[in-house]
C-alpha atoms as a PDB file:
ATOM      1  CA  MET A   1      61.050 127.805 120.020  1.00  0.00           C
ATOM      2  CA  GLU A   2      61.769 124.550 121.815  1.00  0.00           C
ATOM      3  CA  SER A   3      60.034 122.661 118.995  1.00  0.00           C
ATOM      4  CA  MET A   4      62.264 124.364 116.414  1.00  0.00           C
ATOM      5  CA  ASP A   5      65.369 123.385 118.400  1.00  0.00           C
ATOM      6  CA  GLN A   6      64.238 119.741 118.493  1.00  0.00           C
ATOM      7  CA  ASN A   7      63.641 119.754 114.736  1.00  0.00           C
ATOM      8  CA  HIS A   8      67.085 121.271 114.218  1.00  0.00           C
ATOM      9  CA  ASP A   9      68.666 118.555 116.387  1.00  0.00           C
ATOM     10  CA  THR A  10      66.819 115.879 114.412  1.00  0.00           C
ATOM     11  CA  ASP A  11      68.139 117.292 111.140  1.00  0.00           C
ATOM     12  CA  ILE A  12      71.678 117.275 112.526  1.00  0.00           C
ATOM     13  CA  ASN A  13      71.352 113.625 113.646  1.00  0.00           C
ATOM     14  CA  GLU A  14      70.017 112.589 110.236  1.00  0.00           C
ATOM     15  CA  ASP A  15      72.852 114.421 108.497  1.00  0.00           C
ATOM     16  CA  HIS A  16      75.357 112.767 110.824  1.00  0.00           C
ATOM     17  CA  SER A  17      73.884 109.312 110.096  1.00  0.00           C
ATOM     18  CA  LEU A  18      74.018 110.013 106.377  1.00  0.00           C
ATOM     19  CA  ASN A  19      77.644 111.122 106.621  1.00  0.00           C
ATOM     20  CA  LEU A  20      78.528 107.981 108.567  1.00  0.00           C
ATOM     21  CA  SER A  21      76.815 105.824 105.976  1.00  0.00           C
ATOM     22  CA  LEU A  22      78.662 107.539 103.152  1.00  0.00           C
ATOM     23  CA  THR A  23      81.966 107.343 105.021  1.00  0.00           C
ATOM     24  CA  LEU A  24      81.719 103.660 105.876  1.00  0.00           C
ATOM     25  CA  GLY A  25      80.499 102.643 102.442  1.00  0.00           C
ATOM     26  CA  THR A  26      79.876  99.058 101.300  1.00  0.00           C
ATOM     27  CA  PRO A  27      82.071  96.391 102.877  1.00  0.00           C
ATOM     28  CA  PRO A  28      84.587  94.760 100.531  1.00  0.00           C
ATOM     29  CA  SER A  29      83.247  91.834  98.510  1.00  0.00           C
ATOM     30  CA  SER A  30      85.920  89.599 100.025  1.00  0.00           C
ATOM     31  CA  ARG A  31      84.189  89.938 103.375  1.00  0.00           C
ATOM     32  CA  LEU A  32      80.844  89.013 101.868  1.00  0.00           C
ATOM     33  CA  PHE A  33      82.232  86.012  99.975  1.00  0.00           C
ATOM     34  CA  PRO A  34      85.262  84.602 101.793  1.00  0.00           C
ATOM     35  CA  SER A  35      87.599  82.485  99.688  1.00  0.00           C
ATOM     36  CA  TYR A  36      88.229  78.844 100.429  1.00  0.00           C
ATOM     37  CA  PRO A  37      91.154  76.670  99.367  1.00  0.00           C
ATOM     38  CA  ASN A  38      90.719  74.852  96.061  1.00  0.00           C
ATOM     39  CA  ARG A  39      90.274  71.139  96.682  1.00  0.00           C
ATOM     40  CA  ASN A  40      91.808  70.378  93.297  1.00  0.00           C
ATOM     41  CA  SER A  41      94.999  72.259  94.126  1.00  0.00           C
ATOM     42  CA  CYS A  42      96.384  69.281  96.067  1.00  0.00           C
ATOM     43  CA  PRO A  43      97.946  66.704  93.719  1.00  0.00           C
ATOM     44  CA  LYS A  44      96.496  63.214  93.869  1.00  0.00           C
ATOM     45  CA  PRO A  45      98.876  60.459  94.965  1.00  0.00           C
ATOM     46  CA  GLN A  46     100.098  58.306  92.099  1.00  0.00           C
ATOM     47  CA  SER A  47      99.967  55.156  94.206  1.00  0.00           C
ATOM     48  CA  ILE A  48      96.552  53.599  94.859  1.00  0.00           C
ATOM     49  CA  PRO A  49      95.432  50.350  96.514  1.00  0.00           C
ATOM     50  CA  GLN A  50      95.752  47.349  94.214  1.00  0.00           C
ATOM     51  CA  LEU A  51      92.178  46.702  93.096  1.00  0.00           C
ATOM     52  CA  TYR A  52      92.823  43.692  90.853  1.00  0.00           C
ATOM     53  CA  PRO A  53      95.650  41.129  90.813  1.00  0.00           C
ATOM     54  CA  TRP A  54      96.397  42.080  87.181  1.00  0.00           C
ATOM     55  CA  ALA A  55      96.674  45.794  88.016  1.00  0.00           C
ATOM     56  CA  THR A  56      99.585  47.610  89.623  1.00  0.00           C
ATOM     57  CA  THR A  57      99.325  50.208  92.371  1.00  0.00           C
ATOM     58  CA  ARG A  58      99.668  52.967  89.761  1.00  0.00           C
ATOM     59  CA  ARG A  59      96.575  54.471  88.194  1.00  0.00           C
ATOM     60  CA  ALA A  60      95.527  52.983  84.849  1.00  0.00           C
ATOM     61  CA  THR A  61      98.484  50.583  84.756  1.00  0.00           C
ATOM     62  CA  LEU A  62      98.452  46.809  84.253  1.00  0.00           C
ATOM     63  CA  HIS A  63     101.058  44.196  85.050  1.00  0.00           C
ATOM     64  CA  THR A  64     102.701  42.506  82.096  1.00  0.00           C
ATOM     65  CA  LEU A  65     100.986  39.475  80.631  1.00  0.00           C
ATOM     66  CA  HIS A  66     103.956  37.356  81.700  1.00  0.00           C
ATOM     67  CA  HIS A  67     103.494  38.459  85.314  1.00  0.00           C
ATOM     68  CA  ILE A  68      99.735  37.873  85.209  1.00  0.00           C
ATOM     69  CA  LEU A  69     100.122  34.346  83.854  1.00  0.00           C
ATOM     70  CA  SER A  70     102.858  33.622  86.419  1.00  0.00           C
ATOM     71  CA  LEU A  71     100.193  34.172  89.103  1.00  0.00           C
ATOM     72  CA  ASN A  72      98.206  31.307  87.552  1.00  0.00           C
ATOM     73  CA  LEU A  73      95.561  33.759  86.408  1.00  0.00           C
ATOM     74  CA  THR A  74      94.148  32.362  83.186  1.00  0.00           C
ATOM     75  CA  THR A  75      90.649  33.862  83.205  1.00  0.00           C
ATOM     76  CA  ILE A  76      89.063  37.173  84.122  1.00  0.00           C
ATOM     77  CA  THR A  77      85.429  37.723  85.147  1.00  0.00           C
ATOM     78  CA  ASP A  78      83.326  40.854  85.526  1.00  0.00           C
ATOM     79  CA  ASN A  79      79.689  41.853  85.114  1.00  0.00           C
ATOM     80  CA  PHE A  80      77.491  43.007  82.269  1.00  0.00           C
ATOM     81  CA  ARG A  81      74.232  44.851  82.982  1.00  0.00           C
ATOM     82  CA  CYS A  82      71.128  45.111  80.806  1.00  0.00           C
ATOM     83  CA  ARG A  83      70.141  48.675  79.921  1.00  0.00           C
ATOM     84  CA  ARG A  84      66.476  47.649  79.725  1.00  0.00           C
ATOM     85  CA  CYS A  85      65.744  45.375  82.681  1.00  0.00           C
ATOM     86  CA  ASP A  86      68.890  46.071  84.763  1.00  0.00           C
ATOM     87  CA  SER A  87      69.694  42.372  85.114  1.00  0.00           C
ATOM     88  CA  ILE A  88      73.301  41.387  85.828  1.00  0.00           C
ATOM     89  CA  LYS A  89      75.272  38.618  84.158  1.00  0.00           C
ATOM     90  CA  PRO A  90      78.889  37.659  84.909  1.00  0.00           C
ATOM     91  CA  VAL A  91      81.077  37.236  81.831  1.00  0.00           C
ATOM     92  CA  MET A  92      84.360  35.332  81.814  1.00  0.00           C
ATOM     93  CA  TYR A  93      87.221  35.662  79.321  1.00  0.00           C
ATOM     94  CA  ASN A  94      90.271  33.498  78.786  1.00  0.00           C
ATOM     95  CA  ILE A  95      93.048  36.055  79.191  1.00  0.00           C
ATOM     96  CA  LEU A  96      95.563  34.665  76.696  1.00  0.00           C
ATOM     97  CA  GLU A  97      92.997  33.803  74.021  1.00  0.00           C
ATOM     98  CA  LYS A  98      91.300  37.191  74.161  1.00  0.00           C
ATOM     99  CA  TYR A  99      94.614  39.045  74.255  1.00  0.00           C
ATOM    100  CA  ASN A 100      95.743  37.258  71.100  1.00  0.00           C
ATOM    101  CA  GLU A 101      92.455  38.213  69.418  1.00  0.00           C
ATOM    102  CA  VAL A 102      93.076  41.884  70.163  1.00  0.00           C
ATOM    103  CA  ILE A 103      96.723  41.769  69.067  1.00  0.00           C
ATOM    104  CA  ASN A 104      95.950  39.926  65.825  1.00  0.00           C
ATOM    105  CA  TYR A 105      93.205  42.407  64.994  1.00  0.00           C
ATOM    106  CA  ILE A 106      95.604  45.324  65.477  1.00  0.00           C
ATOM    107  CA  ILE A 107      98.380  43.695  63.429  1.00  0.00           C
ATOM    108  CA  ILE A 108      96.004  43.040  60.523  1.00  0.00           C
ATOM    109  CA  ASN A 109      94.233  46.406  60.553  1.00  0.00           C
ATOM    110  CA  ARG A 110      96.734  48.903  61.953  1.00  0.00           C
ATOM    111  CA  ASP A 111      97.844  50.260  58.573  1.00  0.00           C
ATOM    112  CA  ILE A 112      94.283  51.249  57.693  1.00  0.00           C
ATOM    113  CA  MET A 113      93.351  52.677  61.100  1.00  0.00           C
ATOM    114  CA  PHE A 114      95.244  55.979  60.603  1.00  0.00           C
ATOM    115  CA  ASN A 115      95.517  56.509  64.370  1.00  0.00           C
ATOM    116  CA  ARG A 116      91.756  56.200  64.758  1.00  0.00           C
ATOM    117  CA  ALA A 117      89.671  53.486  66.378  1.00  0.00           C
ATOM    118  CA  PRO A 118      87.679  51.416  63.874  1.00  0.00           C
ATOM    119  CA  PRO A 119      83.852  51.307  64.064  1.00  0.00           C
ATOM    120  CA  GLU A 120      84.020  47.930  65.828  1.00  0.00           C
ATOM    121  CA  TRP A 121      85.825  49.566  68.739  1.00  0.00           C
ATOM    122  CA  LEU A 122      83.777  52.755  68.837  1.00  0.00           C
ATOM    123  CA  SER A 123      80.463  50.871  68.863  1.00  0.00           C
ATOM    124  CA  PRO A 124      81.281  47.354  70.044  1.00  0.00           C
ATOM    125  CA  ARG A 125      78.824  44.590  69.359  1.00  0.00           C
ATOM    126  CA  LEU A 126      77.168  43.807  72.689  1.00  0.00           C
ATOM    127  CA  PRO A 127      75.372  40.613  73.758  1.00  0.00           C
ATOM    128  CA  ASP A 128      71.610  40.236  74.034  1.00  0.00           C
ATOM    129  CA  CYS A 129      70.010  40.145  77.466  1.00  0.00           C
ATOM    130  CA  HIS A 130      69.459  36.636  78.805  1.00  0.00           C
ATOM    131  CA  ILE A 131      66.407  37.809  80.791  1.00  0.00           C
ATOM    132  CA  CYS A 132      64.382  40.288  78.716  1.00  0.00           C
ATOM    133  CA  GLY A 133      65.872  39.396  75.341  1.00  0.00           C
ATOM    134  CA  GLY A 134      66.879  42.988  74.579  1.00  0.00           C
ATOM    135  CA  ALA A 135      69.093  42.978  71.501  1.00  0.00           C
ATOM    136  CA  GLY A 136      72.579  44.256  72.285  1.00  0.00           C
ATOM    137  CA  SER A 137      71.375  45.637  75.605  1.00  0.00           C
ATOM    138  CA  MET A 138      74.055  44.079  77.821  1.00  0.00           C
ATOM    139  CA  ARG A 139      76.890  46.487  78.575  1.00  0.00           C
ATOM    140  CA  PRO A 140      79.963  46.002  80.759  1.00  0.00           C
ATOM    141  CA  VAL A 141      79.599  47.528  84.212  1.00  0.00           C
ATOM    142  CA  ILE A 142      82.114  50.378  84.366  1.00  0.00           C
ATOM    143  CA  ALA A 143      83.058  51.694  87.796  1.00  0.00           C
ATOM    144  CA  VAL A 144      81.953  55.227  88.629  1.00  0.00           C
ATOM    145  CA  LYS A 145      85.359  56.045  90.134  1.00  0.00           C
ATOM    146  CA  LYS A 146      87.804  56.087  87.246  1.00  0.00           C
ATOM    147  CA  ARG A 147      90.623  54.556  89.268  1.00  0.00           C
ATOM    148  CA  HIS A 148      88.386  51.502  89.853  1.00  0.00           C
ATOM    149  CA  ILE A 149      87.794  50.783  86.157  1.00  0.00           C
ATOM    150  CA  ASN A 150      88.691  47.232  85.136  1.00  0.00           C
ATOM    151  CA  TRP A 151      90.783  48.146  82.100  1.00  0.00           C
ATOM    152  CA  LEU A 152      91.956  44.605  81.341  1.00  0.00           C
ATOM    153  CA  PHE A 153      88.401  43.246  81.214  1.00  0.00           C
ATOM    154  CA  LEU A 154      87.310  46.005  78.831  1.00  0.00           C
ATOM    155  CA  LEU A 155      90.371  45.481  76.624  1.00  0.00           C
ATOM    156  CA  LEU A 156      89.935  41.729  76.316  1.00  0.00           C
ATOM    157  CA  GLY A 157      86.233  42.072  75.515  1.00  0.00           C
ATOM    158  CA  GLN A 158      87.047  44.885  73.059  1.00  0.00           C
ATOM    159  CA  THR A 159      84.434  46.995  74.846  1.00  0.00           C
ATOM    160  CA  LEU A 160      86.601  49.999  75.731  1.00  0.00           C
ATOM    161  CA  GLY A 161      84.324  51.979  73.420  1.00  0.00           C
ATOM    162  CA  CYS A 162      81.654  51.780  76.141  1.00  0.00           C
ATOM    163  CA  CYS A 163      83.772  54.235  78.161  1.00  0.00           C
ATOM    164  CA  ASN A 164      83.020  57.903  77.731  1.00  0.00           C
ATOM    165  CA  LEU A 165      85.642  60.357  76.517  1.00  0.00           C
ATOM    166  CA  ASP A 166      86.387  61.616  80.022  1.00  0.00           C
ATOM    167  CA  GLN A 167      87.198  58.074  81.219  1.00  0.00           C
ATOM    168  CA  LEU A 168      89.456  57.447  78.228  1.00  0.00           C
ATOM    169  CA  LYS A 169      91.252  60.757  78.789  1.00  0.00           C
ATOM    170  CA  TYR A 170      91.811  59.726  82.411  1.00  0.00           C
ATOM    171  CA  PHE A 171      93.560  56.583  81.219  1.00  0.00           C
ATOM    172  CA  CYS A 172      95.722  58.469  78.733  1.00  0.00           C
ATOM    173  CA  LYS A 173      96.613  61.088  81.332  1.00  0.00           C
ATOM    174  CA  HIS A 174      97.923  58.543  83.828  1.00  0.00           C
ATOM    175  CA  SER A 175      99.631  56.423  81.181  1.00  0.00           C
ATOM    176  CA  LYS A 176     101.478  59.529  79.918  1.00  0.00           C
ATOM    177  CA  ASN A 177      99.734  59.589  76.554  1.00  0.00           C
ATOM    178  CA  HIS A 178      98.448  62.443  74.435  1.00  0.00           C
ATOM    179  CA  ARG A 179      94.804  62.860  75.442  1.00  0.00           C
ATOM    180  CA  THR A 180      93.361  65.538  73.192  1.00  0.00           C
ATOM    181  CA  GLY A 181      91.325  64.981  70.069  1.00  0.00           C
ATOM    182  CA  SER A 182      88.273  62.962  69.165  1.00  0.00           C
ATOM    183  CA  LYS A 183      87.061  59.911  71.044  1.00  0.00           C
ATOM    184  CA  SER A 184      88.166  57.795  68.084  1.00  0.00           C
ATOM    185  CA  HIS A 185      91.780  58.928  68.485  1.00  0.00           C
ATOM    186  CA  VAL A 186      91.871  58.670  72.289  1.00  0.00           C
ATOM    187  CA  LEU A 187      90.244  55.222  72.152  1.00  0.00           C
ATOM    188  CA  TYR A 188      92.853  54.069  69.629  1.00  0.00           C
ATOM    189  CA  LEU A 189      95.654  55.206  71.949  1.00  0.00           C
ATOM    190  CA  THR A 190      94.019  53.445  74.900  1.00  0.00           C
ATOM    191  CA  TYR A 191      93.942  50.107  73.070  1.00  0.00           C
ATOM    192  CA  LEU A 192      97.559  50.364  71.969  1.00  0.00           C
ATOM    193  CA  CYS A 193      98.829  51.547  75.337  1.00  0.00           C
ATOM    194  CA  LEU A 194      97.101  48.715  77.210  1.00  0.00           C
ATOM    195  CA  CYS A 195      98.584  46.181  74.792  1.00  0.00           C
ATOM    196  CA  ASN A 196     101.997  47.764  75.361  1.00  0.00           C
ATOM    197  CA  GLN A 197     101.560  47.491  79.139  1.00  0.00           C
ATOM    198  CA  LEU A 198     100.821  43.781  78.776  1.00  0.00           C
ATOM    199  CA  ASP A 199     103.671  43.279  76.315  1.00  0.00           C
ATOM    200  CA  PRO A 200     106.308  46.054  76.453  1.00  0.00           C
ATOM    201  CA  SER A 201     107.733  44.856  73.121  1.00  0.00           C
ATOM    202  CA  PHE A 202     104.475  45.781  71.399  1.00  0.00           C
ATOM    203  CA  PRO A 203     104.720  49.289  69.880  1.00  0.00           C
ATOM    204  CA  SER A 204     102.217  51.691  71.395  1.00  0.00           C
ATOM    205  CA  PHE A 205     102.384  54.198  68.510  1.00  0.00           C
END
């Protein structure tokens, strides 16, 4: 008799545990996976440290050519890196000479561009490596952080095509330009906008 009572008590305890389990249920998913604030929800400041004397403190914005030359800046130097042997070579451009080359090219060819970058801009001709001799293997070193990109150097060397689409869209975003479409279209806008920043009288569209 005592054994039957114990078994009965055990059954009651098991039923009670089952009822508790069913009553409590599964905790809400929000408790299992708490939400955290979105890091991208905070707007980035428009003002950044001045990285180059020819750049302003606004993202993707250059000083005018007149201002740059008034600082006695006549040349610009940055690095190229070989894709094969990883060797580095500094390259120097004369600012005024190279700017005139870009402007003259646009003036001559703009009517046949149809708002698209020409093949020479999309796949710029690159120098051979001075160490391993790799043909066209030297590419401009482009900063990983987009705000650190040396836009003037890439413009003057007509090597903006070495940027990927995301980098070009970054430039167009911060220069208040339309940034959708193919790389050819966004690259075209980048060239014209940079020329307009250097010379505000130059039409950017």
